[in-house]
């Protein structure tokens, strides 16, 4: 948490709520693995008023810290801001449960 700005933290908490906080199957307890959101939805749900702030925060969470991943509907990784900007479809967000070193996120 100390490495995150306010907007970065809000976006991370939103993603956790939209995925792990949502039970797809109440009998098995299975949770959503990813969720799609657009900038306007993120703005509304977090109270962040700047789309640029959201883009910069997603870039840090995804590209620098590797806490989240942004993917297409088919699962193609949108690994940098340029790929996200060029993508014309829905962008899905998911938690990156493993770091590049193979350690769990809690071990970073």
PDB file of N, CA and C in Angstrom:
ATOM      1  N   UNK A   1       0.793  -1.201   0.000  1.00  0.00           N
ATOM      2  CA  UNK A   1       0.000   0.000   0.000  1.00  0.00           C
ATOM      3  C   UNK A   1       0.838   1.268   0.000  1.00  0.00           C
ATOM      4  N   UNK A   2       1.986   1.294   0.690  1.00  0.00           N
ATOM      5  CA  UNK A   2       2.755   2.534   0.689  1.00  0.00           C
ATOM      6  C   UNK A   2       3.301   2.901  -0.692  1.00  0.00           C
ATOM      7  N   UNK A   3       3.375   1.933  -1.606  1.00  0.00           N
ATOM      8  CA  UNK A   3       3.911   2.212  -2.941  1.00  0.00           C
ATOM      9  C   UNK A   3       2.840   2.732  -3.890  1.00  0.00           C
ATOM     10  N   UNK A   4       1.586   2.810  -3.437  1.00  0.00           N
ATOM     11  CA  UNK A   4       0.489   3.222  -4.304  1.00  0.00           C
ATOM     12  C   UNK A   4       0.002   4.622  -3.961  1.00  0.00           C
ATOM     13  N   UNK A   5      -0.356   5.364  -5.004  1.00  0.00           N
ATOM     14  CA  UNK A   5      -0.998   6.656  -4.794  1.00  0.00           C
ATOM     15  C   UNK A   5      -2.471   6.404  -4.472  1.00  0.00           C
ATOM     16  N   UNK A   6      -3.189   7.448  -4.103  1.00  0.00           N
ATOM     17  CA  UNK A   6      -4.611   7.319  -3.808  1.00  0.00           C
ATOM     18  C   UNK A   6      -5.403   6.736  -4.975  1.00  0.00           C
ATOM     19  N   UNK A   7      -5.259   7.301  -6.184  1.00  0.00           N
ATOM     20  CA  UNK A   7      -5.997   6.749  -7.326  1.00  0.00           C
ATOM     21  C   UNK A   7      -5.608   5.305  -7.647  1.00  0.00           C
ATOM     22  N   UNK A   8      -4.342   4.968  -7.540  1.00  0.00           N
ATOM     23  CA  UNK A   8      -3.904   3.592  -7.804  1.00  0.00           C
ATOM     24  C   UNK A   8      -4.557   2.631  -6.819  1.00  0.00           C
ATOM     25  N   UNK A   9      -4.586   3.030  -5.557  1.00  0.00           N
ATOM     26  CA  UNK A   9      -5.197   2.190  -4.531  1.00  0.00           C
ATOM     27  C   UNK A   9      -6.697   2.023  -4.786  1.00  0.00           C
ATOM     28  N   UNK A  10      -7.375   3.115  -5.144  1.00  0.00           N
ATOM     29  CA  UNK A  10      -8.813   3.046  -5.430  1.00  0.00           C
ATOM     30  C   UNK A  10      -9.101   2.086  -6.585  1.00  0.00           C
ATOM     31  N   UNK A  11      -8.295   2.148  -7.626  1.00  0.00           N
ATOM     32  CA  UNK A  11      -8.498   1.274  -8.781  1.00  0.00           C
ATOM     33  C   UNK A  11      -8.229  -0.179  -8.403  1.00  0.00           C
ATOM     34  N   UNK A  12      -7.197  -0.424  -7.630  1.00  0.00           N
ATOM     35  CA  UNK A  12      -6.899  -1.783  -7.189  1.00  0.00           C
ATOM     36  C   UNK A  12      -8.036  -2.343  -6.335  1.00  0.00           C
ATOM     37  N   UNK A  13      -8.537  -1.559  -5.396  1.00  0.00           N
ATOM     38  CA  UNK A  13      -9.635  -2.009  -4.546  1.00  0.00           C
ATOM     39  C   UNK A  13     -10.890  -2.254  -5.383  1.00  0.00           C
ATOM     40  N   UNK A  14     -11.151  -1.388  -6.356  1.00  0.00           N
ATOM     41  CA  UNK A  14     -12.292  -1.585  -7.252  1.00  0.00           C
ATOM     42  C   UNK A  14     -12.163  -2.908  -7.997  1.00  0.00           C
ATOM     43  N   UNK A  15     -10.984  -3.192  -8.506  1.00  0.00           N
ATOM     44  CA  UNK A  15     -10.782  -4.439  -9.236  1.00  0.00           C
ATOM     45  C   UNK A  15     -10.973  -5.652  -8.329  1.00  0.00           C
ATOM     46  N   UNK A  16     -10.471  -5.586  -7.125  1.00  0.00           N
ATOM     47  CA  UNK A  16     -10.666  -6.694  -6.175  1.00  0.00           C
ATOM     48  C   UNK A  16     -12.161  -6.881  -5.918  1.00  0.00           C
ATOM     49  N   UNK A  17     -12.864  -5.788  -5.722  1.00  0.00           N
ATOM     50  CA  UNK A  17     -14.313  -5.867  -5.465  1.00  0.00           C
ATOM     51  C   UNK A  17     -15.058  -6.439  -6.669  1.00  0.00           C
ATOM     52  N   UNK A  18     -14.685  -6.021  -7.864  1.00  0.00           N
ATOM     53  CA  UNK A  18     -15.379  -6.447  -9.074  1.00  0.00           C
ATOM     54  C   UNK A  18     -15.069  -7.895  -9.455  1.00  0.00           C
ATOM     55  N   UNK A  19     -13.996  -8.451  -8.906  1.00  0.00           N
ATOM     56  CA  UNK A  19     -13.630  -9.833  -9.234  1.00  0.00           C
ATOM     57  C   UNK A  19     -13.807 -10.733  -8.009  1.00  0.00           C
ATOM     58  N   UNK A  20     -12.909 -10.690  -7.084  1.00  0.00           N
ATOM     59  CA  UNK A  20     -12.971 -11.563  -5.917  1.00  0.00           C
ATOM     60  C   UNK A  20     -14.197 -11.297  -5.060  1.00  0.00           C
ATOM     61  N   UNK A  21     -14.701 -10.084  -5.095  1.00  0.00           N
ATOM     62  CA  UNK A  21     -15.875  -9.732  -4.305  1.00  0.00           C
ATOM     63  C   UNK A  21     -17.184 -10.158  -4.925  1.00  0.00           C
ATOM     64  N   UNK A  22     -17.133 -10.830  -6.063  1.00  0.00           N
ATOM     65  CA  UNK A  22     -18.346 -11.216  -6.773  1.00  0.00           C
ATOM     66  C   UNK A  22     -18.381 -12.728  -6.927  1.00  0.00           C
ATOM     67  N   UNK A  23     -19.315 -13.366  -6.260  1.00  0.00           N
ATOM     68  CA  UNK A  23     -19.447 -14.824  -6.357  1.00  0.00           C
ATOM     69  C   UNK A  23     -20.265 -15.180  -7.585  1.00  0.00           C
ATOM     70  N   UNK A  24     -19.629 -15.863  -8.558  1.00  0.00           N
ATOM     71  CA  UNK A  24     -20.333 -16.289  -9.770  1.00  0.00           C
ATOM     72  C   UNK A  24     -21.229 -17.483  -9.480  1.00  0.00           C
ATOM     73  N   UNK A  25     -20.802 -18.325  -8.564  1.00  0.00           N
ATOM     74  CA  UNK A  25     -21.554 -19.535  -8.223  1.00  0.00           C
ATOM     75  C   UNK A  25     -21.597 -19.634  -6.699  1.00  0.00           C
ATOM     76  N   UNK A  26     -22.738 -19.369  -6.132  1.00  0.00           N
ATOM     77  CA  UNK A  26     -22.855 -19.351  -4.678  1.00  0.00           C
ATOM     78  C   UNK A  26     -22.639 -20.732  -4.049  1.00  0.00           C
ATOM     79  N   UNK A  27     -22.928 -21.799  -4.787  1.00  0.00           N
ATOM     80  CA  UNK A  27     -22.734 -23.149  -4.255  1.00  0.00           C
ATOM     81  C   UNK A  27     -21.261 -23.515  -4.131  1.00  0.00           C
ATOM     82  N   UNK A  28     -20.461 -23.188  -5.143  1.00  0.00           N
ATOM     83  CA  UNK A  28     -19.045 -23.541  -5.126  1.00  0.00           C
ATOM     84  C   UNK A  28     -18.173 -22.410  -4.576  1.00  0.00           C
ATOM     85  N   UNK A  29     -18.708 -21.189  -4.525  1.00  0.00           N
ATOM     86  CA  UNK A  29     -17.929 -20.036  -4.082  1.00  0.00           C
ATOM     87  C   UNK A  29     -16.994 -19.504  -5.151  1.00  0.00           C
ATOM     88  N   UNK A  30     -17.144 -19.993  -6.382  1.00  0.00           N
ATOM     89  CA  UNK A  30     -16.284 -19.556  -7.487  1.00  0.00           C
ATOM     90  C   UNK A  30     -16.437 -18.050  -7.716  1.00  0.00           C
ATOM     91  N   UNK A  31     -15.310 -17.377  -7.865  1.00  0.00           N
ATOM     92  CA  UNK A  31     -15.272 -15.931  -8.040  1.00  0.00           C
ATOM     93  C   UNK A  31     -14.933 -15.572  -9.478  1.00  0.00           C
ATOM     94  N   UNK A  32     -15.273 -14.351  -9.851  1.00  0.00           N
ATOM     95  CA  UNK A  32     -14.905 -13.864 -11.180  1.00  0.00           C
ATOM     96  C   UNK A  32     -13.385 -13.740 -11.260  1.00  0.00           C
ATOM     97  N   UNK A  33     -12.830 -14.087 -12.403  1.00  0.00           N
ATOM     98  CA  UNK A  33     -11.390 -13.970 -12.594  1.00  0.00           C
ATOM     99  C   UNK A  33     -11.015 -12.643 -13.234  1.00  0.00           C
ATOM    100  N   UNK A  34     -11.963 -12.043 -13.951  1.00  0.00           N
ATOM    101  CA  UNK A  34     -11.692 -10.772 -14.611  1.00  0.00           C
ATOM    102  C   UNK A  34     -13.008 -10.025 -14.775  1.00  0.00           C
ATOM    103  N   UNK A  35     -12.899  -8.743 -15.047  1.00  0.00           N
ATOM    104  CA  UNK A  35     -14.082  -7.930 -15.294  1.00  0.00           C
ATOM    105  C   UNK A  35     -13.702  -6.837 -16.279  1.00  0.00           C
ATOM    106  N   UNK A  36     -14.652  -6.478 -17.126  1.00  0.00           N
ATOM    107  CA  UNK A  36     -14.365  -5.400 -18.057  1.00  0.00           C
ATOM    108  C   UNK A  36     -14.968  -4.113 -17.516  1.00  0.00           C
ATOM    109  N   UNK A  37     -14.203  -3.066 -17.674  1.00  0.00           N
ATOM    110  CA  UNK A  37     -14.644  -1.737 -17.256  1.00  0.00           C
ATOM    111  C   UNK A  37     -14.083  -0.739 -18.244  1.00  0.00           C
ATOM    112  N   UNK A  38     -14.830   0.306 -18.486  1.00  0.00           N
ATOM    113  CA  UNK A  38     -14.294   1.392 -19.291  1.00  0.00           C
ATOM    114  C   UNK A  38     -13.929   2.553 -18.362  1.00  0.00           C
ATOM    115  N   UNK A  39     -13.292   3.538 -18.921  1.00  0.00           N
ATOM    116  CA  UNK A  39     -12.805   4.671 -18.124  1.00  0.00           C
ATOM    117  C   UNK A  39     -13.956   5.352 -17.375  1.00  0.00           C
ATOM    118  N   UNK A  40     -15.082   5.544 -18.036  1.00  0.00           N
ATOM    119  CA  UNK A  40     -16.214   6.223 -17.386  1.00  0.00           C
ATOM    120  C   UNK A  40     -16.738   5.427 -16.198  1.00  0.00           C
ATOM    121  N   UNK A  41     -16.766   4.111 -16.307  1.00  0.00           N
ATOM    122  CA  UNK A  41     -17.209   3.291 -15.180  1.00  0.00           C
ATOM    123  C   UNK A  41     -16.222   3.405 -14.016  1.00  0.00           C
ATOM    124  N   UNK A  42     -14.946   3.371 -14.336  1.00  0.00           N
ATOM    125  CA  UNK A  42     -13.927   3.500 -13.284  1.00  0.00           C
ATOM    126  C   UNK A  42     -14.044   4.860 -12.616  1.00  0.00           C
ATOM    127  N   UNK A  43     -14.252   5.898 -13.414  1.00  0.00           N
ATOM    128  CA  UNK A  43     -14.410   7.246 -12.859  1.00  0.00           C
ATOM    129  C   UNK A  43     -15.595   7.294 -11.893  1.00  0.00           C
ATOM    130  N   UNK A  44     -16.718   6.741 -12.312  1.00  0.00           N
ATOM    131  CA  UNK A  44     -17.930   6.767 -11.493  1.00  0.00           C
ATOM    132  C   UNK A  44     -17.759   5.978 -10.202  1.00  0.00           C
ATOM    133  N   UNK A  45     -17.150   4.803 -10.287  1.00  0.00           N
ATOM    134  CA  UNK A  45     -17.049   3.920  -9.123  1.00  0.00           C
ATOM    135  C   UNK A  45     -15.953   4.322  -8.145  1.00  0.00           C
ATOM    136  N   UNK A  46     -14.938   5.072  -8.616  1.00  0.00           N
ATOM    137  CA  UNK A  46     -13.839   5.463  -7.728  1.00  0.00           C
ATOM    138  C   UNK A  46     -13.901   6.925  -7.302  1.00  0.00           C
ATOM    139  N   UNK A  47     -14.640   7.732  -8.054  1.00  0.00           N
ATOM    140  CA  UNK A  47     -14.664   9.169  -7.771  1.00  0.00           C
ATOM    141  C   UNK A  47     -13.489   9.911  -8.378  1.00  0.00           C
ATOM    142  N   UNK A  48     -12.654   9.221  -9.130  1.00  0.00           N
ATOM    143  CA  UNK A  48     -11.526   9.867  -9.805  1.00  0.00           C
ATOM    144  C   UNK A  48     -12.087  10.658 -10.988  1.00  0.00           C
ATOM    145  N   UNK A  49     -11.742  11.921 -11.090  1.00  0.00           N
ATOM    146  CA  UNK A  49     -12.360  12.785 -12.082  1.00  0.00           C
ATOM    147  C   UNK A  49     -11.567  12.937 -13.382  1.00  0.00           C
ATOM    148  N   UNK A  50     -10.375  12.413 -13.428  1.00  0.00           N
ATOM    149  CA  UNK A  50      -9.509  12.595 -14.593  1.00  0.00           C
ATOM    150  C   UNK A  50      -9.232  11.268 -15.295  1.00  0.00           C
ATOM    151  N   UNK A  51      -9.560  11.199 -16.585  1.00  0.00           N
ATOM    152  CA  UNK A  51      -9.258   9.972 -17.327  1.00  0.00           C
ATOM    153  C   UNK A  51      -7.754   9.770 -17.461  1.00  0.00           C
ATOM    154  N   UNK A  52      -7.008  10.856 -17.495  1.00  0.00           N
ATOM    155  CA  UNK A  52      -5.541  10.747 -17.557  1.00  0.00           C
ATOM    156  C   UNK A  52      -4.982  10.116 -16.272  1.00  0.00           C
ATOM    157  N   UNK A  53      -5.541  10.508 -15.133  1.00  0.00           N
ATOM    158  CA  UNK A  53      -5.110   9.921 -13.860  1.00  0.00           C
ATOM    159  C   UNK A  53      -5.395   8.426 -13.840  1.00  0.00           C
ATOM    160  N   UNK A  54      -6.544   8.027 -14.371  1.00  0.00           N
ATOM    161  CA  UNK A  54      -6.884   6.611 -14.423  1.00  0.00           C
ATOM    162  C   UNK A  54      -5.909   5.871 -15.328  1.00  0.00           C
ATOM    163  N   UNK A  55      -5.632   6.418 -16.489  1.00  0.00           N
ATOM    164  CA  UNK A  55      -4.698   5.773 -17.418  1.00  0.00           C
ATOM    165  C   UNK A  55      -3.313   5.626 -16.806  1.00  0.00           C
ATOM    166  N   UNK A  56      -2.833   6.678 -16.150  1.00  0.00           N
ATOM    167  CA  UNK A  56      -1.512   6.614 -15.515  1.00  0.00           C
ATOM    168  C   UNK A  56      -1.498   5.604 -14.370  1.00  0.00           C
ATOM    169  N   UNK A  57      -2.591   5.546 -13.614  1.00  0.00           N
ATOM    170  CA  UNK A  57      -2.673   4.612 -12.490  1.00  0.00           C
ATOM    171  C   UNK A  57      -2.720   3.171 -12.981  1.00  0.00           C
ATOM    172  N   UNK A  58      -3.501   2.920 -14.022  1.00  0.00           N
ATOM    173  CA  UNK A  58      -3.563   1.569 -14.596  1.00  0.00           C
ATOM    174  C   UNK A  58      -2.188   1.177 -15.129  1.00  0.00           C
ATOM    175  N   UNK A  59      -1.500   2.123 -15.767  1.00  0.00           N
ATOM    176  CA  UNK A  59      -0.163   1.832 -16.293  1.00  0.00           C
ATOM    177  C   UNK A  59       0.789   1.430 -15.172  1.00  0.00           C
ATOM    178  N   UNK A  60       0.749   2.139 -14.057  1.00  0.00           N
ATOM    179  CA  UNK A  60       1.648   1.785 -12.962  1.00  0.00           C
ATOM    180  C   UNK A  60       1.276   0.427 -12.368  1.00  0.00           C
ATOM    181  N   UNK A  61      -0.020   0.203 -12.125  1.00  0.00           N
ATOM    182  CA  UNK A  61      -0.457  -1.068 -11.547  1.00  0.00           C
ATOM    183  C   UNK A  61      -0.159  -2.244 -12.466  1.00  0.00           C
ATOM    184  N   UNK A  62      -0.274  -2.015 -13.766  1.00  0.00           N
ATOM    185  CA  UNK A  62      -0.109  -3.079 -14.747  1.00  0.00           C
ATOM    186  C   UNK A  62       1.325  -3.211 -15.237  1.00  0.00           C
ATOM    187  N   UNK A  63       1.879  -2.136 -15.713  1.00  0.00           N
ATOM    188  CA  UNK A  63       3.164  -2.189 -16.416  1.00  0.00           C
ATOM    189  C   UNK A  63       4.369  -2.114 -15.482  1.00  0.00           C
ATOM    190  N   UNK A  64       4.254  -1.368 -14.402  1.00  0.00           N
ATOM    191  CA  UNK A  64       5.388  -1.192 -13.495  1.00  0.00           C
ATOM    192  C   UNK A  64       5.350  -2.190 -12.339  1.00  0.00           C
ATOM    193  N   UNK A  65       4.247  -2.179 -11.596  1.00  0.00           N
ATOM    194  CA  UNK A  65       4.151  -3.038 -10.413  1.00  0.00           C
ATOM    195  C   UNK A  65       3.679  -4.459 -10.727  1.00  0.00           C
ATOM    196  N   UNK A  66       3.026  -4.621 -11.871  1.00  0.00           N
ATOM    197  CA  UNK A  66       2.542  -5.928 -12.318  1.00  0.00           C
ATOM    198  C   UNK A  66       1.580  -6.567 -11.314  1.00  0.00           C
ATOM    199  N   UNK A  67       0.725  -5.726 -10.713  1.00  0.00           N
ATOM    200  CA  UNK A  67      -0.282  -6.192  -9.767  1.00  0.00           C
ATOM    201  C   UNK A  67      -1.549  -6.600 -10.507  1.00  0.00           C
ATOM    202  N   UNK A  68      -1.842  -5.895 -11.605  1.00  0.00           N
ATOM    203  CA  UNK A  68      -3.012  -6.226 -12.408  1.00  0.00           C
ATOM    204  C   UNK A  68      -2.577  -6.492 -13.845  1.00  0.00           C
ATOM    205  N   UNK A  69      -3.475  -7.093 -14.607  1.00  0.00           N
ATOM    206  CA  UNK A  69      -3.242  -7.307 -16.034  1.00  0.00           C
ATOM    207  C   UNK A  69      -4.447  -6.786 -16.796  1.00  0.00           C
ATOM    208  N   UNK A  70      -4.189  -6.259 -17.968  1.00  0.00           N
ATOM    209  CA  UNK A  70      -5.256  -5.817 -18.866  1.00  0.00           C
ATOM    210  C   UNK A  70      -5.215  -6.731 -20.079  1.00  0.00           C
ATOM    211  N   UNK A  71      -6.386  -7.290 -20.407  1.00  0.00           N
ATOM    212  CA  UNK A  71      -6.456  -8.265 -21.491  1.00  0.00           C
ATOM    213  C   UNK A  71      -7.683  -7.996 -22.354  1.00  0.00           C
ATOM    214  N   UNK A  72      -7.653  -8.566 -23.570  1.00  0.00           N
ATOM    215  CA  UNK A  72      -8.812  -8.509 -24.461  1.00  0.00           C
ATOM    216  C   UNK A  72      -9.803  -9.596 -24.049  1.00  0.00           C
ATOM    217  N   UNK A  73     -10.944  -9.609 -24.699  1.00  0.00           N
ATOM    218  CA  UNK A  73     -11.955 -10.622 -24.405  1.00  0.00           C
ATOM    219  C   UNK A  73     -11.421 -12.035 -24.610  1.00  0.00           C
ATOM    220  N   UNK A  74     -10.544 -12.209 -25.594  1.00  0.00           N
ATOM    221  CA  UNK A  74      -9.975 -13.528 -25.875  1.00  0.00           C
ATOM    222  C   UNK A  74      -8.765 -13.855 -24.998  1.00  0.00           C
ATOM    223  N   UNK A  75      -8.360 -12.921 -24.122  1.00  0.00           N
ATOM    224  CA  UNK A  75      -7.266 -13.184 -23.206  1.00  0.00           C
ATOM    225  C   UNK A  75      -5.912 -12.659 -23.645  1.00  0.00           C
ATOM    226  N   UNK A  76      -5.852 -11.947 -24.797  1.00  0.00           N
ATOM    227  CA  UNK A  76      -4.588 -11.374 -25.268  1.00  0.00           C
ATOM    228  C   UNK A  76      -4.158 -10.261 -24.322  1.00  0.00           C
ATOM    229  N   UNK A  77      -2.927 -10.343 -23.841  1.00  0.00           N
ATOM    230  CA  UNK A  77      -2.404  -9.373 -22.889  1.00  0.00           C
ATOM    231  C   UNK A  77      -2.127  -8.036 -23.568  1.00  0.00           C
ATOM    232  N   UNK A  78      -2.705  -6.974 -23.016  1.00  0.00           N
ATOM    233  CA  UNK A  78      -2.437  -5.613 -23.484  1.00  0.00           C
ATOM    234  C   UNK A  78      -1.358  -5.053 -22.556  1.00  0.00           C
ATOM    235  N   UNK A  79      -0.127  -5.337 -22.910  1.00  0.00           N
ATOM    236  CA  UNK A  79       0.993  -5.191 -21.986  1.00  0.00           C
ATOM    237  C   UNK A  79       1.553  -3.784 -21.837  1.00  0.00           C
ATOM    238  N   UNK A  80       1.000  -2.806 -22.547  1.00  0.00           N
ATOM    239  CA  UNK A  80       1.500  -1.436 -22.387  1.00  0.00           C
ATOM    240  C   UNK A  80       0.414  -0.447 -22.793  1.00  0.00           C
ATOM    241  N   UNK A  81       0.594   0.825 -22.444  1.00  0.00           N
ATOM    242  CA  UNK A  81      -0.432   1.825 -22.760  1.00  0.00           C
ATOM    243  C   UNK A  81      -0.761   1.925 -24.245  1.00  0.00           C
ATOM    244  N   UNK A  82       0.220   1.772 -25.102  1.00  0.00           N
ATOM    245  CA  UNK A  82      -0.029   1.856 -26.543  1.00  0.00           C
ATOM    246  C   UNK A  82      -0.984   0.763 -26.993  1.00  0.00           C
ATOM    247  N   UNK A  83      -0.765  -0.452 -26.531  1.00  0.00           N
ATOM    248  CA  UNK A  83      -1.647  -1.562 -26.906  1.00  0.00           C
ATOM    249  C   UNK A  83      -3.064  -1.328 -26.374  1.00  0.00           C
ATOM    250  N   UNK A  84      -3.173  -0.778 -25.152  1.00  0.00           N
ATOM    251  CA  UNK A  84      -4.495  -0.491 -24.599  1.00  0.00           C
ATOM    252  C   UNK A  84      -5.199   0.591 -25.409  1.00  0.00           C
ATOM    253  N   UNK A  85      -4.460   1.631 -25.824  1.00  0.00           N
ATOM    254  CA  UNK A  85      -5.045   2.720 -26.610  1.00  0.00           C
ATOM    255  C   UNK A  85      -5.469   2.246 -27.994  1.00  0.00           C
ATOM    256  N   UNK A  86      -4.711   1.357 -28.591  1.00  0.00           N
ATOM    257  CA  UNK A  86      -5.004   0.872 -29.937  1.00  0.00           C
ATOM    258  C   UNK A  86      -6.137  -0.157 -29.955  1.00  0.00           C
ATOM    259  N   UNK A  87      -6.401  -0.774 -28.830  1.00  0.00           N
ATOM    260  CA  UNK A  87      -7.436  -1.814 -28.773  1.00  0.00           C
ATOM    261  C   UNK A  87      -8.819  -1.168 -28.869  1.00  0.00           C
ATOM    262  N   UNK A  88      -9.631  -1.647 -29.792  1.00  0.00           N
ATOM    263  CA  UNK A  88     -10.940  -1.036 -30.012  1.00  0.00           C
ATOM    264  C   UNK A  88     -12.078  -1.731 -29.260  1.00  0.00           C
ATOM    265  N   UNK A  89     -11.823  -2.899 -28.693  1.00  0.00           N
ATOM    266  CA  UNK A  89     -12.868  -3.629 -27.977  1.00  0.00           C
ATOM    267  C   UNK A  89     -12.819  -3.373 -26.484  1.00  0.00           C
ATOM    268  N   UNK A  90     -13.512  -4.228 -25.753  1.00  0.00           N
ATOM    269  CA  UNK A  90     -13.545  -4.127 -24.300  1.00  0.00           C
ATOM    270  C   UNK A  90     -12.189  -4.500 -23.716  1.00  0.00           C
ATOM    271  N   UNK A  91     -11.820  -3.802 -22.659  1.00  0.00           N
ATOM    272  CA  UNK A  91     -10.606  -4.127 -21.920  1.00  0.00           C
ATOM    273  C   UNK A  91     -11.028  -4.779 -20.608  1.00  0.00           C
ATOM    274  N   UNK A  92     -10.502  -5.958 -20.388  1.00  0.00           N
ATOM    275  CA  UNK A  92     -10.775  -6.689 -19.159  1.00  0.00           C
ATOM    276  C   UNK A  92      -9.608  -6.498 -18.201  1.00  0.00           C
ATOM    277  N   UNK A  93      -9.931  -6.402 -16.916  1.00  0.00           N
ATOM    278  CA  UNK A  93      -8.929  -6.244 -15.877  1.00  0.00           C
ATOM    279  C   UNK A  93      -8.969  -7.473 -14.995  1.00  0.00           C
ATOM    280  N   UNK A  94      -7.781  -7.938 -14.597  1.00  0.00           N
ATOM    281  CA  UNK A  94      -7.699  -9.069 -13.677  1.00  0.00           C
ATOM    282  C   UNK A  94      -6.486  -8.883 -12.780  1.00  0.00           C
ATOM    283  N   UNK A  95      -6.536  -9.508 -11.637  1.00  0.00           N
ATOM    284  CA  UNK A  95      -5.390  -9.475 -10.729  1.00  0.00           C
ATOM    285  C   UNK A  95      -4.303 -10.375 -11.278  1.00  0.00           C
ATOM    286  N   UNK A  96      -3.075  -9.941 -11.164  1.00  0.00           N
ATOM    287  CA  UNK A  96      -1.929 -10.766 -11.551  1.00  0.00           C
ATOM    288  C   UNK A  96      -1.510 -11.522 -10.296  1.00  0.00           C
ATOM    289  N   UNK A  97      -1.866 -12.770 -10.232  1.00  0.00           N
ATOM    290  CA  UNK A  97      -1.646 -13.530  -9.014  1.00  0.00           C
ATOM    291  C   UNK A  97      -0.218 -14.015  -8.846  1.00  0.00           C
ATOM    292  N   UNK A  98       0.571 -13.917  -9.886  1.00  0.00           N
ATOM    293  CA  UNK A  98       1.984 -14.288  -9.807  1.00  0.00           C
ATOM    294  C   UNK A  98       2.830 -13.131 -10.323  1.00  0.00           C
ATOM    295  N   UNK A  99       3.948 -12.905  -9.696  1.00  0.00           N
ATOM    296  CA  UNK A  99       4.882 -11.894 -10.172  1.00  0.00           C
ATOM    297  C   UNK A  99       5.726 -12.506 -11.297  1.00  0.00           C
ATOM    298  N   UNK A 100       6.456 -11.696 -12.048  1.00  0.00           N
ATOM    299  CA  UNK A 100       7.300 -12.238 -13.114  1.00  0.00           C
ATOM    300  C   UNK A 100       8.323 -13.261 -12.605  1.00  0.00           C
ATOM    301  N   UNK A 101       8.713 -13.145 -11.342  1.00  0.00           N
ATOM    302  CA  UNK A 101       9.693 -14.082 -10.781  1.00  0.00           C
ATOM    303  C   UNK A 101       9.044 -15.408 -10.372  1.00  0.00           C
ATOM    304  N   UNK A 102       7.687 -15.481 -10.470  1.00  0.00           N
ATOM    305  CA  UNK A 102       6.993 -16.694 -10.090  1.00  0.00           C
ATOM    306  C   UNK A 102       6.549 -16.703  -8.648  1.00  0.00           C
ATOM    307  N   UNK A 103       6.919 -15.668  -7.899  1.00  0.00           N
ATOM    308  CA  UNK A 103       6.484 -15.570  -6.507  1.00  0.00           C
ATOM    309  C   UNK A 103       5.080 -14.976  -6.474  1.00  0.00           C
ATOM    310  N   UNK A 104       4.348 -15.288  -5.445  1.00  0.00           N
ATOM    311  CA  UNK A 104       3.020 -14.699  -5.292  1.00  0.00           C
ATOM    312  C   UNK A 104       3.141 -13.194  -5.107  1.00  0.00           C
ATOM    313  N   UNK A 105       2.084 -12.471  -5.426  1.00  0.00           N
ATOM    314  CA  UNK A 105       2.090 -11.020  -5.306  1.00  0.00           C
ATOM    315  C   UNK A 105       2.456 -10.588  -3.893  1.00  0.00           C
ATOM    316  N   UNK A 106       2.010 -11.356  -2.881  1.00  0.00           N
ATOM    317  CA  UNK A 106       2.303 -10.983  -1.502  1.00  0.00           C
ATOM    318  C   UNK A 106       3.791 -11.128  -1.175  1.00  0.00           C
ATOM    319  N   UNK A 107       4.572 -11.743  -2.049  1.00  0.00           N
ATOM    320  CA  UNK A 107       6.010 -11.918  -1.797  1.00  0.00           C
ATOM    321  C   UNK A 107       6.854 -10.842  -2.481  1.00  0.00           C
ATOM    322  N   UNK A 108       6.217  -9.911  -3.206  1.00  0.00           N
ATOM    323  CA  UNK A 108       6.988  -8.875  -3.912  1.00  0.00           C
ATOM    324  C   UNK A 108       7.689  -7.948  -2.965  1.00  0.00           C
TER     325      UNK A 108
END
